[in-house]
Amino acid sequence: MKLGVSAPKVLYVVLPVMLLEPVLNDDKKIEPHFVTPVYKTTERKGVLATTGHSSNFVMDILLPSDKPQAHWVNRGAALICGLDD
């Protein structure tokens, strides 16, 4: 139940279905995690909005991980809503 490294030469892996439930900041469980960006498409660029995010950016999701944030950032890990197939 933690984020793991994919097999060699595998670019995309299906994420199991997740239930997103809103919680108050005070009620969050603090555990080691990766702040994972979610994008609409594999193109991680778009028009910069007034929020400071790309128009392709959806939100961040906290995924449990036993590796540091830099490990996943260096690998370009992200969630994609739809592939460009």
C-alpha atoms as a PDB file:
ATOM      1  CA  MET A   1       0.000   0.000   0.000  1.00  0.00           C
ATOM      2  CA  LYS A   2       2.889   2.338  -0.798  1.00  0.00           C
ATOM      3  CA  LEU A   3       4.218   3.982  -3.917  1.00  0.00           C
ATOM      4  CA  GLY A   4       6.853   1.747  -5.499  1.00  0.00           C
ATOM      5  CA  VAL A   5       9.303   1.822  -8.378  1.00  0.00           C
ATOM      6  CA  SER A   6       7.906   0.423 -11.643  1.00  0.00           C
ATOM      7  CA  ALA A   7       9.492  -2.434 -13.568  1.00  0.00           C
ATOM      8  CA  PRO A   8      12.312  -1.541 -16.002  1.00  0.00           C
ATOM      9  CA  LYS A   9      11.138   0.092 -19.264  1.00  0.00           C
ATOM     10  CA  VAL A  10       7.537   0.458 -17.989  1.00  0.00           C
ATOM     11  CA  LEU A  11       6.451   4.073 -18.444  1.00  0.00           C
ATOM     12  CA  TYR A  12       2.832   3.933 -17.279  1.00  0.00           C
ATOM     13  CA  VAL A  13       1.287   1.868 -14.486  1.00  0.00           C
ATOM     14  CA  VAL A  14      -2.422   1.847 -13.614  1.00  0.00           C
ATOM     15  CA  LEU A  15      -3.155   3.286 -10.184  1.00  0.00           C
ATOM     16  CA  PRO A  16      -5.795   1.372  -8.217  1.00  0.00           C
ATOM     17  CA  VAL A  17      -9.126   3.143  -7.751  1.00  0.00           C
ATOM     18  CA  MET A  18      -8.920   5.691  -4.942  1.00  0.00           C
ATOM     19  CA  LEU A  19     -11.647   7.139  -2.770  1.00  0.00           C
ATOM     20  CA  LEU A  20     -10.995  10.828  -2.154  1.00  0.00           C
ATOM     21  CA  GLU A  21     -12.518  12.100   1.064  1.00  0.00           C
ATOM     22  CA  PRO A  22     -12.088  15.704   2.180  1.00  0.00           C
ATOM     23  CA  VAL A  23     -10.698  16.184   5.691  1.00  0.00           C
ATOM     24  CA  LEU A  24      -9.819  19.185   7.798  1.00  0.00           C
ATOM     25  CA  ASN A  25      -6.117  20.060   7.913  1.00  0.00           C
ATOM     26  CA  ASP A  26      -6.102  19.380  11.666  1.00  0.00           C
ATOM     27  CA  ASP A  27      -7.448  15.833  11.108  1.00  0.00           C
ATOM     28  CA  LYS A  28      -4.825  14.747   8.544  1.00  0.00           C
ATOM     29  CA  LYS A  29      -2.788  11.654   9.342  1.00  0.00           C
ATOM     30  CA  ILE A  30       0.859  12.623   9.045  1.00  0.00           C
ATOM     31  CA  GLU A  31       2.845   9.785   7.514  1.00  0.00           C
ATOM     32  CA  PRO A  32       5.703   9.652   5.010  1.00  0.00           C
ATOM     33  CA  HIS A  33       4.259  10.554   1.609  1.00  0.00           C
ATOM     34  CA  PHE A  34       4.978  11.949  -1.855  1.00  0.00           C
ATOM     35  CA  VAL A  35       3.046  15.041  -2.929  1.00  0.00           C
ATOM     36  CA  THR A  36       2.062  13.713  -6.355  1.00  0.00           C
ATOM     37  CA  PRO A  37       0.928  16.142  -9.066  1.00  0.00           C
ATOM     38  CA  VAL A  38      -2.086  15.092 -11.149  1.00  0.00           C
ATOM     39  CA  TYR A  39      -2.244  16.219 -14.791  1.00  0.00           C
ATOM     40  CA  LYS A  40      -5.023  15.955 -17.392  1.00  0.00           C
ATOM     41  CA  THR A  41      -2.688  14.654 -20.131  1.00  0.00           C
ATOM     42  CA  THR A  42       0.896  13.471 -20.455  1.00  0.00           C
ATOM     43  CA  GLU A  43       1.911  16.952 -21.601  1.00  0.00           C
ATOM     44  CA  ARG A  44       2.958  18.605 -18.379  1.00  0.00           C
ATOM     45  CA  LYS A  45       2.646  22.065 -19.786  1.00  0.00           C
ATOM     46  CA  GLY A  46      -0.173  24.415 -20.518  1.00  0.00           C
ATOM     47  CA  VAL A  47      -1.197  28.021 -20.146  1.00  0.00           C
ATOM     48  CA  LEU A  48      -0.084  29.445 -16.810  1.00  0.00           C
ATOM     49  CA  ALA A  49      -3.171  30.404 -14.822  1.00  0.00           C
ATOM     50  CA  THR A  50      -3.505  33.140 -12.215  1.00  0.00           C
ATOM     51  CA  THR A  51      -3.154  30.414  -9.551  1.00  0.00           C
ATOM     52  CA  GLY A  52       0.439  29.844 -10.656  1.00  0.00           C
ATOM     53  CA  HIS A  53      -0.333  26.354 -11.994  1.00  0.00           C
ATOM     54  CA  SER A  54      -0.503  25.067 -15.552  1.00  0.00           C
ATOM     55  CA  SER A  55      -3.962  24.704 -17.133  1.00  0.00           C
ATOM     56  CA  ASN A  56      -3.082  20.998 -17.477  1.00  0.00           C
ATOM     57  CA  PHE A  57      -2.570  20.656 -13.697  1.00  0.00           C
ATOM     58  CA  VAL A  58      -5.511  19.210 -11.729  1.00  0.00           C
ATOM     59  CA  MET A  59      -4.409  18.852  -8.095  1.00  0.00           C
ATOM     60  CA  ASP A  60      -1.882  17.234  -5.755  1.00  0.00           C
ATOM     61  CA  ILE A  61      -2.514  13.875  -4.102  1.00  0.00           C
ATOM     62  CA  LEU A  62      -0.543  12.562  -1.122  1.00  0.00           C
ATOM     63  CA  LEU A  63       0.596   8.988  -1.831  1.00  0.00           C
ATOM     64  CA  PRO A  64       2.217   6.947   0.948  1.00  0.00           C
ATOM     65  CA  SER A  65       5.909   6.342   0.277  1.00  0.00           C
ATOM     66  CA  ASP A  66       8.935   5.121   2.186  1.00  0.00           C
ATOM     67  CA  LYS A  67      11.294   7.070  -0.091  1.00  0.00           C
ATOM     68  CA  PRO A  68      12.065  10.808   0.146  1.00  0.00           C
ATOM     69  CA  GLN A  69      10.284  13.390  -2.020  1.00  0.00           C
ATOM     70  CA  ALA A  70      13.438  13.963  -4.114  1.00  0.00           C
ATOM     71  CA  HIS A  71      13.488  10.297  -5.164  1.00  0.00           C
ATOM     72  CA  TRP A  72      10.144  10.634  -6.977  1.00  0.00           C
ATOM     73  CA  VAL A  73      10.780  14.164  -8.283  1.00  0.00           C
ATOM     74  CA  ASN A  74      14.025  12.997  -9.935  1.00  0.00           C
ATOM     75  CA  ARG A  75      12.069  10.217 -11.655  1.00  0.00           C
ATOM     76  CA  GLY A  76       9.347  12.584 -12.860  1.00  0.00           C
ATOM     77  CA  ALA A  77       6.599  10.668 -11.056  1.00  0.00           C
ATOM     78  CA  ALA A  78       3.087  12.023 -11.597  1.00  0.00           C
ATOM     79  CA  LEU A  79      -0.491  10.875 -12.042  1.00  0.00           C
ATOM     80  CA  ILE A  80      -2.093  11.278 -15.471  1.00  0.00           C
ATOM     81  CA  CYS A  81      -5.880  11.352 -15.936  1.00  0.00           C
ATOM     82  CA  GLY A  82      -5.751  10.247 -19.580  1.00  0.00           C
ATOM     83  CA  LEU A  83      -3.030   9.015 -21.901  1.00  0.00           C
ATOM     84  CA  ASP A  84      -2.573  10.555 -25.345  1.00  0.00           C
ATOM     85  CA  ASP A  85      -2.977   7.197 -27.154  1.00  0.00           C
END
